[in-house]
Amino acid sequence: MPEITGNDFRQNNIAIAHDAADALGKAVADPQSPVTGTIYKNQEGLDATLDAYERKLGELELDELLKESGVFGRRGLEAVAKMEAMRIKGRRHGAKGWLVVMVDMDGLKQINDRAGHIAGDAMLVGLAEVLRKLLRETDIIGRYGGDEIVLLLSVSDYKKALKAMMGTPDESYRGLERRMYAGLDKLRVDMKTRFGDKWPEDTESKKPGQASIGWHFFSAKDYLKRYRKFLKSSGENKKFVSILIKEADEKMYSHKHKFIPTLPLGGRLETLSR
C-alpha cells in the first residue's frame, strides 16, 4: 500500500473544499432546488453555511511564488470569486460592484530565455509587490496563468471604477494604471542593473518586464448574472473566473501595444470608496 504523505492529505482536503464550494454555489444560485431551497427559509442557516465556506477558504494554497504578497493561485482565485457571488446572493456584506482587472507581463519568455527563470521569477515577484503596495488590503490578487494576474476590487459604481483605474482629468489623482506602469518602470531599471547584458533589449512594440492592462466593471447584479451563466455552462474544465475576466481580457489584448507615459509612483488606492 503506497504511503500517504502530508502533501497528499492536504491536496485531498483542498479538493474536498472545492467540491463543497461548487455544491454550495449551486445551492445559493438556485433557491428553488428541492434539496437546498430550505436554506433560503432560514437566514441564519444561510449565514452559517457561508461562514463554514469562508473557513474552507483558509485551506486553499496561495500561489507558491507570490505568496509573500498574498497572491492566490488559480484554484484559490476561483474559490474567492465564487464566494463573492454567494455573498451577493445571500445579501451578506456583498460588494455593490466589482472591478475586474487583467494584468499581463510582457516579454516574460524573453526574460526567461535570456536572463534565466530566476530573472523572470524576480519580475513576477516584483509585479506582485508593486500591486500590493497600490491596492487596499481587502483587494484580491490572483495568478491566473504563468504571466497573468487578475485583480478583483470591490467598487460601488462605474464612475469610481473609472477614477480608480484612470485617475482624474486634472491629474490631482493618478489612477492605478499609471501608477502600476511607473512602479514597473522602476523595477525594470533595477532588473537591468542586476542582470546586465543578459537582460533582453526593448523593442518599439514591447518592453520586457512591462505589462498590459485591461479592466471591466460589474454591478453586483451583473456579477451574479455572470455567476449564473457559469453554473449553466458545461464541461469538466469550466471556470467561473474564465467567464468573469472575458471582457477585461479582450481589452487587455486590444491595448497590448498601447504606450503609457511614465509617471512617479506613490500612494495607495485608499481614496477608492466602496
C-alpha atoms as a PDB file:
ATOM      1  CA  MET A   1       0.000   0.000   0.000  1.00  0.00           C
ATOM      2  CA  PRO A   2       1.548   3.345  -1.052  1.00  0.00           C
ATOM      3  CA  GLU A   3       2.454   5.757   1.703  1.00  0.00           C
ATOM      4  CA  ILE A   4       0.149   8.765   2.081  1.00  0.00           C
ATOM      5  CA  THR A   5       2.192  11.925   2.547  1.00  0.00           C
ATOM      6  CA  GLY A   6       1.205  15.094   4.327  1.00  0.00           C
ATOM      7  CA  ASN A   7       1.069  16.865   0.966  1.00  0.00           C
ATOM      8  CA  ASP A   8      -1.333  14.207  -0.410  1.00  0.00           C
ATOM      9  CA  PHE A   9      -3.561  14.704   2.627  1.00  0.00           C
ATOM     10  CA  ARG A  10      -3.525  18.483   2.206  1.00  0.00           C
ATOM     11  CA  GLN A  11      -4.321  18.231  -1.515  1.00  0.00           C
ATOM     12  CA  ASN A  12      -7.236  15.913  -0.769  1.00  0.00           C
ATOM     13  CA  ASN A  13      -8.601  18.421   1.735  1.00  0.00           C
ATOM     14  CA  ILE A  14      -8.322  21.199  -0.861  1.00  0.00           C
ATOM     15  CA  ALA A  15     -10.163  19.070  -3.408  1.00  0.00           C
ATOM     16  CA  ILE A  16     -12.920  18.382  -0.879  1.00  0.00           C
ATOM     17  CA  ALA A  17     -13.173  22.126  -0.128  1.00  0.00           C
ATOM     18  CA  HIS A  18     -13.642  22.888  -3.827  1.00  0.00           C
ATOM     19  CA  ASP A  19     -16.287  20.192  -4.239  1.00  0.00           C
ATOM     20  CA  ALA A  20     -18.132  21.715  -1.279  1.00  0.00           C
ATOM     21  CA  ALA A  21     -17.729  25.180  -2.826  1.00  0.00           C
ATOM     22  CA  ASP A  22     -19.311  24.065  -6.105  1.00  0.00           C
ATOM     23  CA  ALA A  23     -22.211  22.377  -4.300  1.00  0.00           C
ATOM     24  CA  LEU A  24     -22.815  25.442  -2.143  1.00  0.00           C
ATOM     25  CA  GLY A  25     -22.575  27.722  -5.155  1.00  0.00           C
ATOM     26  CA  LYS A  26     -25.343  25.827  -6.913  1.00  0.00           C
ATOM     27  CA  ALA A  27     -27.455  25.905  -3.748  1.00  0.00           C
ATOM     28  CA  VAL A  28     -27.128  29.656  -3.361  1.00  0.00           C
ATOM     29  CA  ALA A  29     -27.811  30.302  -7.037  1.00  0.00           C
ATOM     30  CA  ASP A  30     -30.880  28.061  -7.171  1.00  0.00           C
ATOM     31  CA  PRO A  31     -33.211  28.689  -4.218  1.00  0.00           C
ATOM     32  CA  GLN A  32     -35.926  26.572  -5.902  1.00  0.00           C
ATOM     33  CA  SER A  33     -33.908  23.382  -5.584  1.00  0.00           C
ATOM     34  CA  PRO A  34     -35.951  20.860  -3.553  1.00  0.00           C
ATOM     35  CA  VAL A  35     -32.815  19.753  -1.760  1.00  0.00           C
ATOM     36  CA  THR A  36     -31.330  23.131  -0.909  1.00  0.00           C
ATOM     37  CA  GLY A  37     -34.224  25.573  -1.143  1.00  0.00           C
ATOM     38  CA  THR A  38     -34.851  25.333   2.604  1.00  0.00           C
ATOM     39  CA  ILE A  39     -31.635  27.302   3.174  1.00  0.00           C
ATOM     40  CA  TYR A  40     -33.484  30.406   1.969  1.00  0.00           C
ATOM     41  CA  LYS A  41     -36.177  29.943   4.550  1.00  0.00           C
ATOM     42  CA  ASN A  42     -33.663  30.482   7.299  1.00  0.00           C
ATOM     43  CA  GLN A  43     -31.273  33.413   7.050  1.00  0.00           C
ATOM     44  CA  GLU A  44     -29.315  32.062   9.995  1.00  0.00           C
ATOM     45  CA  GLY A  45     -28.847  28.802   8.113  1.00  0.00           C
ATOM     46  CA  LEU A  46     -27.503  30.655   5.082  1.00  0.00           C
ATOM     47  CA  ASP A  47     -25.164  32.694   7.246  1.00  0.00           C
ATOM     48  CA  ALA A  48     -23.846  29.543   8.924  1.00  0.00           C
ATOM     49  CA  THR A  49     -23.280  27.907   5.539  1.00  0.00           C
ATOM     50  CA  LEU A  50     -21.359  30.897   4.237  1.00  0.00           C
ATOM     51  CA  ASP A  51     -19.319  31.038   7.440  1.00  0.00           C
ATOM     52  CA  ALA A  52     -18.354  27.396   7.002  1.00  0.00           C
ATOM     53  CA  TYR A  53     -17.276  28.020   3.425  1.00  0.00           C
ATOM     54  CA  GLU A  54     -15.196  31.038   4.418  1.00  0.00           C
ATOM     55  CA  ARG A  55     -13.292  28.822   6.830  1.00  0.00           C
ATOM     56  CA  LYS A  56     -12.659  26.393   3.978  1.00  0.00           C
ATOM     57  CA  LEU A  57     -11.042  29.213   2.012  1.00  0.00           C
ATOM     58  CA  GLY A  58      -8.303  29.284   4.612  1.00  0.00           C
ATOM     59  CA  GLU A  59      -7.263  25.813   3.492  1.00  0.00           C
ATOM     60  CA  LEU A  60      -6.561  26.914  -0.064  1.00  0.00           C
ATOM     61  CA  GLU A  61      -2.983  27.492  -1.084  1.00  0.00           C
ATOM     62  CA  LEU A  62      -1.649  30.844  -2.145  1.00  0.00           C
ATOM     63  CA  ASP A  63       0.499  30.925  -5.259  1.00  0.00           C
ATOM     64  CA  GLU A  64       3.813  29.344  -4.261  1.00  0.00           C
ATOM     65  CA  LEU A  65       5.989  32.002  -5.915  1.00  0.00           C
ATOM     66  CA  LEU A  66       3.904  35.038  -4.929  1.00  0.00           C
ATOM     67  CA  LYS A  67       2.546  34.007  -1.526  1.00  0.00           C
ATOM     68  CA  GLU A  68       4.520  36.701   0.329  1.00  0.00           C
ATOM     69  CA  SER A  69       2.320  39.289  -1.385  1.00  0.00           C
ATOM     70  CA  GLY A  70      -0.860  37.352  -0.578  1.00  0.00           C
ATOM     71  CA  VAL A  71      -1.489  36.301  -4.186  1.00  0.00           C
ATOM     72  CA  PHE A  72      -3.921  33.416  -4.670  1.00  0.00           C
ATOM     73  CA  GLY A  73      -3.171  30.558  -7.008  1.00  0.00           C
ATOM     74  CA  ARG A  74      -5.697  29.818  -9.744  1.00  0.00           C
ATOM     75  CA  ARG A  75      -7.760  27.478  -7.576  1.00  0.00           C
ATOM     76  CA  GLY A  76      -7.858  29.940  -4.701  1.00  0.00           C
ATOM     77  CA  LEU A  77      -8.826  32.780  -7.049  1.00  0.00           C
ATOM     78  CA  GLU A  78     -11.690  30.660  -8.400  1.00  0.00           C
ATOM     79  CA  ALA A  79     -12.960  29.917  -4.899  1.00  0.00           C
ATOM     80  CA  VAL A  80     -12.810  33.551  -3.741  1.00  0.00           C
ATOM     81  CA  ALA A  81     -14.626  34.776  -6.868  1.00  0.00           C
ATOM     82  CA  LYS A  82     -17.406  32.241  -6.230  1.00  0.00           C
ATOM     83  CA  MET A  83     -17.568  33.239  -2.586  1.00  0.00           C
ATOM     84  CA  GLU A  84     -18.313  36.825  -3.536  1.00  0.00           C
ATOM     85  CA  ALA A  85     -21.184  35.686  -5.758  1.00  0.00           C
ATOM     86  CA  MET A  86     -22.584  33.789  -2.785  1.00  0.00           C
ATOM     87  CA  ARG A  87     -22.277  36.862  -0.583  1.00  0.00           C
ATOM     88  CA  ILE A  88     -24.205  38.920  -3.115  1.00  0.00           C
ATOM     89  CA  LYS A  89     -26.924  36.298  -3.459  1.00  0.00           C
ATOM     90  CA  GLY A  90     -27.169  35.877   0.289  1.00  0.00           C
ATOM     91  CA  ARG A  91     -27.113  39.659   0.836  1.00  0.00           C
ATOM     92  CA  ARG A  92     -24.285  39.109   3.265  1.00  0.00           C
ATOM     93  CA  HIS A  93     -21.969  42.124   3.018  1.00  0.00           C
ATOM     94  CA  GLY A  94     -21.629  41.616  -0.719  1.00  0.00           C
ATOM     95  CA  ALA A  95     -19.984  44.435  -2.661  1.00  0.00           C
ATOM     96  CA  LYS A  96     -22.163  46.804  -4.706  1.00  0.00           C
ATOM     97  CA  GLY A  97     -19.879  46.229  -7.670  1.00  0.00           C
ATOM     98  CA  TRP A  98     -16.627  44.651  -8.784  1.00  0.00           C
ATOM     99  CA  LEU A  99     -13.773  45.990 -10.850  1.00  0.00           C
ATOM    100  CA  VAL A 100     -12.064  43.087 -12.647  1.00  0.00           C
ATOM    101  CA  VAL A 101      -8.543  43.820 -13.901  1.00  0.00           C
ATOM    102  CA  MET A 102      -6.299  41.667 -16.102  1.00  0.00           C
ATOM    103  CA  VAL A 103      -2.546  42.338 -15.912  1.00  0.00           C
ATOM    104  CA  ASP A 104      -0.277  40.551 -18.395  1.00  0.00           C
ATOM    105  CA  MET A 105       3.503  40.685 -18.036  1.00  0.00           C
ATOM    106  CA  ASP A 106       5.117  41.477 -21.394  1.00  0.00           C
ATOM    107  CA  GLY A 107       8.146  39.545 -22.644  1.00  0.00           C
ATOM    108  CA  LEU A 108       8.356  37.058 -19.761  1.00  0.00           C
ATOM    109  CA  LYS A 109       9.524  34.306 -22.135  1.00  0.00           C
ATOM    110  CA  GLN A 110      12.268  36.589 -23.473  1.00  0.00           C
ATOM    111  CA  ILE A 111      13.403  37.321 -19.923  1.00  0.00           C
ATOM    112  CA  ASN A 112      13.440  33.619 -19.040  1.00  0.00           C
ATOM    113  CA  ASP A 113      15.325  32.739 -22.245  1.00  0.00           C
ATOM    114  CA  ARG A 114      17.933  35.478 -21.960  1.00  0.00           C
ATOM    115  CA  ALA A 115      18.422  36.056 -18.237  1.00  0.00           C
ATOM    116  CA  GLY A 116      17.072  32.787 -16.833  1.00  0.00           C
ATOM    117  CA  HIS A 117      13.990  31.833 -14.871  1.00  0.00           C
ATOM    118  CA  ILE A 118      15.421  33.460 -11.754  1.00  0.00           C
ATOM    119  CA  ALA A 119      15.033  36.811 -13.541  1.00  0.00           C
ATOM    120  CA  GLY A 120      11.514  36.021 -14.720  1.00  0.00           C
ATOM    121  CA  ASP A 121      10.511  34.960 -11.222  1.00  0.00           C
ATOM    122  CA  ALA A 122      12.040  38.137  -9.797  1.00  0.00           C
ATOM    123  CA  MET A 123       9.925  40.240 -12.184  1.00  0.00           C
ATOM    124  CA  LEU A 124       6.737  38.420 -11.219  1.00  0.00           C
ATOM    125  CA  VAL A 125       7.515  38.812  -7.520  1.00  0.00           C
ATOM    126  CA  GLY A 126       8.236  42.487  -8.150  1.00  0.00           C
ATOM    127  CA  LEU A 127       4.956  42.941 -10.024  1.00  0.00           C
ATOM    128  CA  ALA A 128       3.042  41.372  -7.126  1.00  0.00           C
ATOM    129  CA  GLU A 129       4.798  43.686  -4.678  1.00  0.00           C
ATOM    130  CA  VAL A 130       4.007  46.753  -6.802  1.00  0.00           C
ATOM    131  CA  LEU A 131       0.338  45.796  -6.945  1.00  0.00           C
ATOM    132  CA  ARG A 132       0.098  45.008  -3.252  1.00  0.00           C
ATOM    133  CA  LYS A 133       1.513  48.446  -2.364  1.00  0.00           C
ATOM    134  CA  LEU A 134      -1.032  50.152  -4.614  1.00  0.00           C
ATOM    135  CA  LEU A 135      -4.092  48.204  -3.518  1.00  0.00           C
ATOM    136  CA  ARG A 136      -6.135  48.005  -0.343  1.00  0.00           C
ATOM    137  CA  GLU A 137      -5.559  45.051   1.947  1.00  0.00           C
ATOM    138  CA  THR A 138      -9.037  43.743   1.152  1.00  0.00           C
ATOM    139  CA  ASP A 139      -8.488  43.725  -2.619  1.00  0.00           C
ATOM    140  CA  ILE A 140      -7.952  40.314  -4.199  1.00  0.00           C
ATOM    141  CA  ILE A 141      -4.900  39.396  -6.266  1.00  0.00           C
ATOM    142  CA  GLY A 142      -4.664  36.049  -8.049  1.00  0.00           C
ATOM    143  CA  ARG A 143      -2.261  34.461 -10.513  1.00  0.00           C
ATOM    144  CA  TYR A 144      -4.396  33.217 -13.392  1.00  0.00           C
ATOM    145  CA  GLY A 145      -1.596  31.978 -15.647  1.00  0.00           C
ATOM    146  CA  GLY A 146       2.178  31.998 -15.879  1.00  0.00           C
ATOM    147  CA  ASP A 147       2.362  35.724 -16.674  1.00  0.00           C
ATOM    148  CA  GLU A 148      -1.249  36.783 -15.997  1.00  0.00           C
ATOM    149  CA  ILE A 149      -2.508  38.410 -12.811  1.00  0.00           C
ATOM    150  CA  VAL A 150      -6.182  39.029 -12.019  1.00  0.00           C
ATOM    151  CA  LEU A 151      -7.335  41.734  -9.607  1.00  0.00           C
ATOM    152  CA  LEU A 152     -10.795  41.837  -8.022  1.00  0.00           C
ATOM    153  CA  LEU A 153     -11.582  45.205  -6.407  1.00  0.00           C
ATOM    154  CA  SER A 154     -14.873  45.991  -4.716  1.00  0.00           C
ATOM    155  CA  VAL A 155     -16.162  49.329  -6.061  1.00  0.00           C
ATOM    156  CA  SER A 156     -19.610  50.855  -5.630  1.00  0.00           C
ATOM    157  CA  ASP A 157     -20.182  52.133  -9.191  1.00  0.00           C
ATOM    158  CA  TYR A 158     -18.672  52.629 -12.637  1.00  0.00           C
ATOM    159  CA  LYS A 159     -17.568  56.229 -12.014  1.00  0.00           C
ATOM    160  CA  LYS A 160     -15.459  55.164  -9.043  1.00  0.00           C
ATOM    161  CA  ALA A 161     -14.056  52.259 -11.070  1.00  0.00           C
ATOM    162  CA  LEU A 162     -13.075  54.683 -13.843  1.00  0.00           C
ATOM    163  CA  LYS A 163     -11.409  57.021 -11.358  1.00  0.00           C
ATOM    164  CA  ALA A 164      -9.589  54.134  -9.677  1.00  0.00           C
ATOM    165  CA  MET A 165      -8.103  52.969 -12.968  1.00  0.00           C
ATOM    166  CA  MET A 166      -7.609  56.191 -14.940  1.00  0.00           C
ATOM    167  CA  GLY A 167      -7.396  58.917 -12.291  1.00  0.00           C
ATOM    168  CA  THR A 168      -8.954  62.379 -12.587  1.00  0.00           C
ATOM    169  CA  PRO A 169      -8.825  64.664 -15.671  1.00  0.00           C
ATOM    170  CA  ASP A 170      -6.854  67.324 -13.761  1.00  0.00           C
ATOM    171  CA  GLU A 171      -4.391  64.597 -12.601  1.00  0.00           C
ATOM    172  CA  SER A 172      -4.930  65.521  -8.967  1.00  0.00           C
ATOM    173  CA  TYR A 173      -5.341  61.778  -8.532  1.00  0.00           C
ATOM    174  CA  ARG A 174      -3.370  59.372 -10.717  1.00  0.00           C
ATOM    175  CA  GLY A 175      -5.062  56.080 -11.357  1.00  0.00           C
ATOM    176  CA  LEU A 176      -3.923  52.538 -10.796  1.00  0.00           C
ATOM    177  CA  GLU A 177      -2.949  52.001 -14.424  1.00  0.00           C
ATOM    178  CA  ARG A 178      -0.389  54.821 -14.482  1.00  0.00           C
ATOM    179  CA  ARG A 179       0.925  54.062 -11.007  1.00  0.00           C
ATOM    180  CA  MET A 180       1.449  50.434 -11.910  1.00  0.00           C
ATOM    181  CA  TYR A 181       3.352  51.351 -15.077  1.00  0.00           C
ATOM    182  CA  ALA A 182       5.549  53.726 -13.088  1.00  0.00           C
ATOM    183  CA  GLY A 183       6.250  51.055 -10.474  1.00  0.00           C
ATOM    184  CA  LEU A 184       7.193  48.523 -13.153  1.00  0.00           C
ATOM    185  CA  ASP A 185       9.474  51.026 -14.897  1.00  0.00           C
ATOM    186  CA  LYS A 186      11.403  51.447 -11.658  1.00  0.00           C
ATOM    187  CA  LEU A 187      11.512  47.674 -11.189  1.00  0.00           C
ATOM    188  CA  ARG A 188      12.816  47.143 -14.739  1.00  0.00           C
ATOM    189  CA  VAL A 189      15.664  49.579 -14.126  1.00  0.00           C
ATOM    190  CA  ASP A 190      16.652  47.573 -11.051  1.00  0.00           C
ATOM    191  CA  MET A 191      16.433  44.298 -13.004  1.00  0.00           C
ATOM    192  CA  LYS A 192      18.555  45.652 -15.868  1.00  0.00           C
ATOM    193  CA  THR A 193      21.209  46.692 -13.361  1.00  0.00           C
ATOM    194  CA  ARG A 194      21.067  43.304 -11.643  1.00  0.00           C
ATOM    195  CA  PHE A 195      21.218  41.129 -14.781  1.00  0.00           C
ATOM    196  CA  GLY A 196      23.236  43.420 -17.061  1.00  0.00           C
ATOM    197  CA  ASP A 197      23.803  42.202 -20.624  1.00  0.00           C
ATOM    198  CA  LYS A 198      21.598  39.158 -20.063  1.00  0.00           C
ATOM    199  CA  TRP A 199      18.522  41.348 -19.885  1.00  0.00           C
ATOM    200  CA  PRO A 200      16.630  41.434 -23.248  1.00  0.00           C
ATOM    201  CA  GLU A 201      16.542  44.690 -25.181  1.00  0.00           C
ATOM    202  CA  ASP A 202      13.407  46.776 -25.585  1.00  0.00           C
ATOM    203  CA  THR A 203      11.718  46.957 -28.993  1.00  0.00           C
ATOM    204  CA  GLU A 204       9.306  49.509 -30.440  1.00  0.00           C
ATOM    205  CA  SER A 205       6.326  47.352 -29.541  1.00  0.00           C
ATOM    206  CA  LYS A 206       7.450  45.619 -26.350  1.00  0.00           C
ATOM    207  CA  LYS A 207       9.378  46.333 -23.178  1.00  0.00           C
ATOM    208  CA  PRO A 208      10.238  43.038 -21.464  1.00  0.00           C
ATOM    209  CA  GLY A 209       9.061  43.329 -17.886  1.00  0.00           C
ATOM    210  CA  GLN A 210       6.411  45.925 -18.676  1.00  0.00           C
ATOM    211  CA  ALA A 211       2.743  44.897 -18.582  1.00  0.00           C
ATOM    212  CA  SER A 212      -0.557  45.311 -20.408  1.00  0.00           C
ATOM    213  CA  ILE A 213      -3.823  46.010 -18.599  1.00  0.00           C
ATOM    214  CA  GLY A 214      -7.499  45.522 -19.338  1.00  0.00           C
ATOM    215  CA  TRP A 215     -10.428  46.080 -16.989  1.00  0.00           C
ATOM    216  CA  HIS A 216     -14.188  45.772 -16.761  1.00  0.00           C
ATOM    217  CA  PHE A 217     -16.740  46.839 -14.144  1.00  0.00           C
ATOM    218  CA  PHE A 218     -19.641  44.671 -12.958  1.00  0.00           C
ATOM    219  CA  SER A 219     -22.541  45.844 -10.832  1.00  0.00           C
ATOM    220  CA  ALA A 220     -23.464  43.310  -8.140  1.00  0.00           C
ATOM    221  CA  LYS A 221     -26.454  42.289 -10.281  1.00  0.00           C
ATOM    222  CA  ASP A 222     -24.294  41.721 -13.355  1.00  0.00           C
ATOM    223  CA  TYR A 223     -21.674  39.865 -11.321  1.00  0.00           C
ATOM    224  CA  LEU A 224     -24.331  37.457 -10.079  1.00  0.00           C
ATOM    225  CA  LYS A 225     -25.752  37.136 -13.595  1.00  0.00           C
ATOM    226  CA  ARG A 226     -22.293  36.085 -14.802  1.00  0.00           C
ATOM    227  CA  TYR A 227     -22.139  33.509 -11.994  1.00  0.00           C
ATOM    228  CA  ARG A 228     -25.475  32.028 -13.060  1.00  0.00           C
ATOM    229  CA  LYS A 229     -24.130  31.785 -16.600  1.00  0.00           C
ATOM    230  CA  PHE A 230     -21.187  29.832 -15.223  1.00  0.00           C
ATOM    231  CA  LEU A 231     -23.487  27.418 -13.381  1.00  0.00           C
ATOM    232  CA  LYS A 232     -25.359  26.719 -16.621  1.00  0.00           C
ATOM    233  CA  SER A 233     -22.150  26.113 -18.595  1.00  0.00           C
ATOM    234  CA  SER A 234     -20.935  22.600 -19.271  1.00  0.00           C
ATOM    235  CA  GLY A 235     -17.571  20.852 -19.467  1.00  0.00           C
ATOM    236  CA  GLU A 236     -15.149  19.388 -16.980  1.00  0.00           C
ATOM    237  CA  ASN A 237     -12.837  22.410 -17.021  1.00  0.00           C
ATOM    238  CA  LYS A 238     -15.439  25.158 -16.716  1.00  0.00           C
ATOM    239  CA  LYS A 239     -14.230  28.005 -14.510  1.00  0.00           C
ATOM    240  CA  PHE A 240     -16.112  30.997 -13.150  1.00  0.00           C
ATOM    241  CA  VAL A 241     -13.027  33.234 -13.385  1.00  0.00           C
ATOM    242  CA  SER A 242     -12.681  32.428 -17.111  1.00  0.00           C
ATOM    243  CA  ILE A 243     -16.196  33.779 -17.687  1.00  0.00           C
ATOM    244  CA  LEU A 244     -15.681  36.722 -15.328  1.00  0.00           C
ATOM    245  CA  ILE A 245     -12.499  38.029 -16.987  1.00  0.00           C
ATOM    246  CA  LYS A 246     -13.694  37.750 -20.604  1.00  0.00           C
ATOM    247  CA  GLU A 247     -14.173  41.482 -21.263  1.00  0.00           C
ATOM    248  CA  ALA A 248     -11.125  42.568 -19.255  1.00  0.00           C
ATOM    249  CA  ASP A 249      -9.004  40.008 -21.109  1.00  0.00           C
ATOM    250  CA  GLU A 250     -10.204  41.232 -24.511  1.00  0.00           C
ATOM    251  CA  LYS A 251      -9.488  44.847 -23.578  1.00  0.00           C
ATOM    252  CA  MET A 252      -6.047  43.882 -22.287  1.00  0.00           C
ATOM    253  CA  TYR A 253      -5.090  42.309 -25.607  1.00  0.00           C
ATOM    254  CA  SER A 254      -6.513  45.231 -27.589  1.00  0.00           C
ATOM    255  CA  HIS A 255      -4.240  47.550 -25.577  1.00  0.00           C
ATOM    256  CA  LYS A 256      -1.228  45.234 -25.756  1.00  0.00           C
ATOM    257  CA  HIS A 257       0.963  47.765 -27.543  1.00  0.00           C
ATOM    258  CA  LYS A 258      -0.516  50.924 -26.058  1.00  0.00           C
ATOM    259  CA  PHE A 259       2.073  53.422 -24.837  1.00  0.00           C
ATOM    260  CA  ILE A 260       1.561  54.659 -21.290  1.00  0.00           C
ATOM    261  CA  PRO A 261       3.730  57.604 -20.193  1.00  0.00           C
ATOM    262  CA  THR A 262       5.814  57.035 -17.095  1.00  0.00           C
ATOM    263  CA  LEU A 263       4.657  58.896 -14.000  1.00  0.00           C
ATOM    264  CA  PRO A 264       6.049  58.968 -10.461  1.00  0.00           C
ATOM    265  CA  LEU A 265       4.936  56.093  -8.261  1.00  0.00           C
ATOM    266  CA  GLY A 266       3.363  56.894  -4.938  1.00  0.00           C
ATOM    267  CA  GLY A 267       0.427  56.482  -2.631  1.00  0.00           C
ATOM    268  CA  ARG A 268      -2.225  53.805  -2.373  1.00  0.00           C
ATOM    269  CA  LEU A 269      -5.699  53.314  -3.718  1.00  0.00           C
ATOM    270  CA  GLU A 270      -7.193  54.255  -0.366  1.00  0.00           C
ATOM    271  CA  THR A 271      -9.279  57.070  -1.860  1.00  0.00           C
ATOM    272  CA  LEU A 272     -11.342  54.454  -3.698  1.00  0.00           C
ATOM    273  CA  SER A 273     -14.531  54.093  -1.654  1.00  0.00           C
ATOM    274  CA  ARG A 274     -16.878  51.152  -1.560  1.00  0.00           C
END
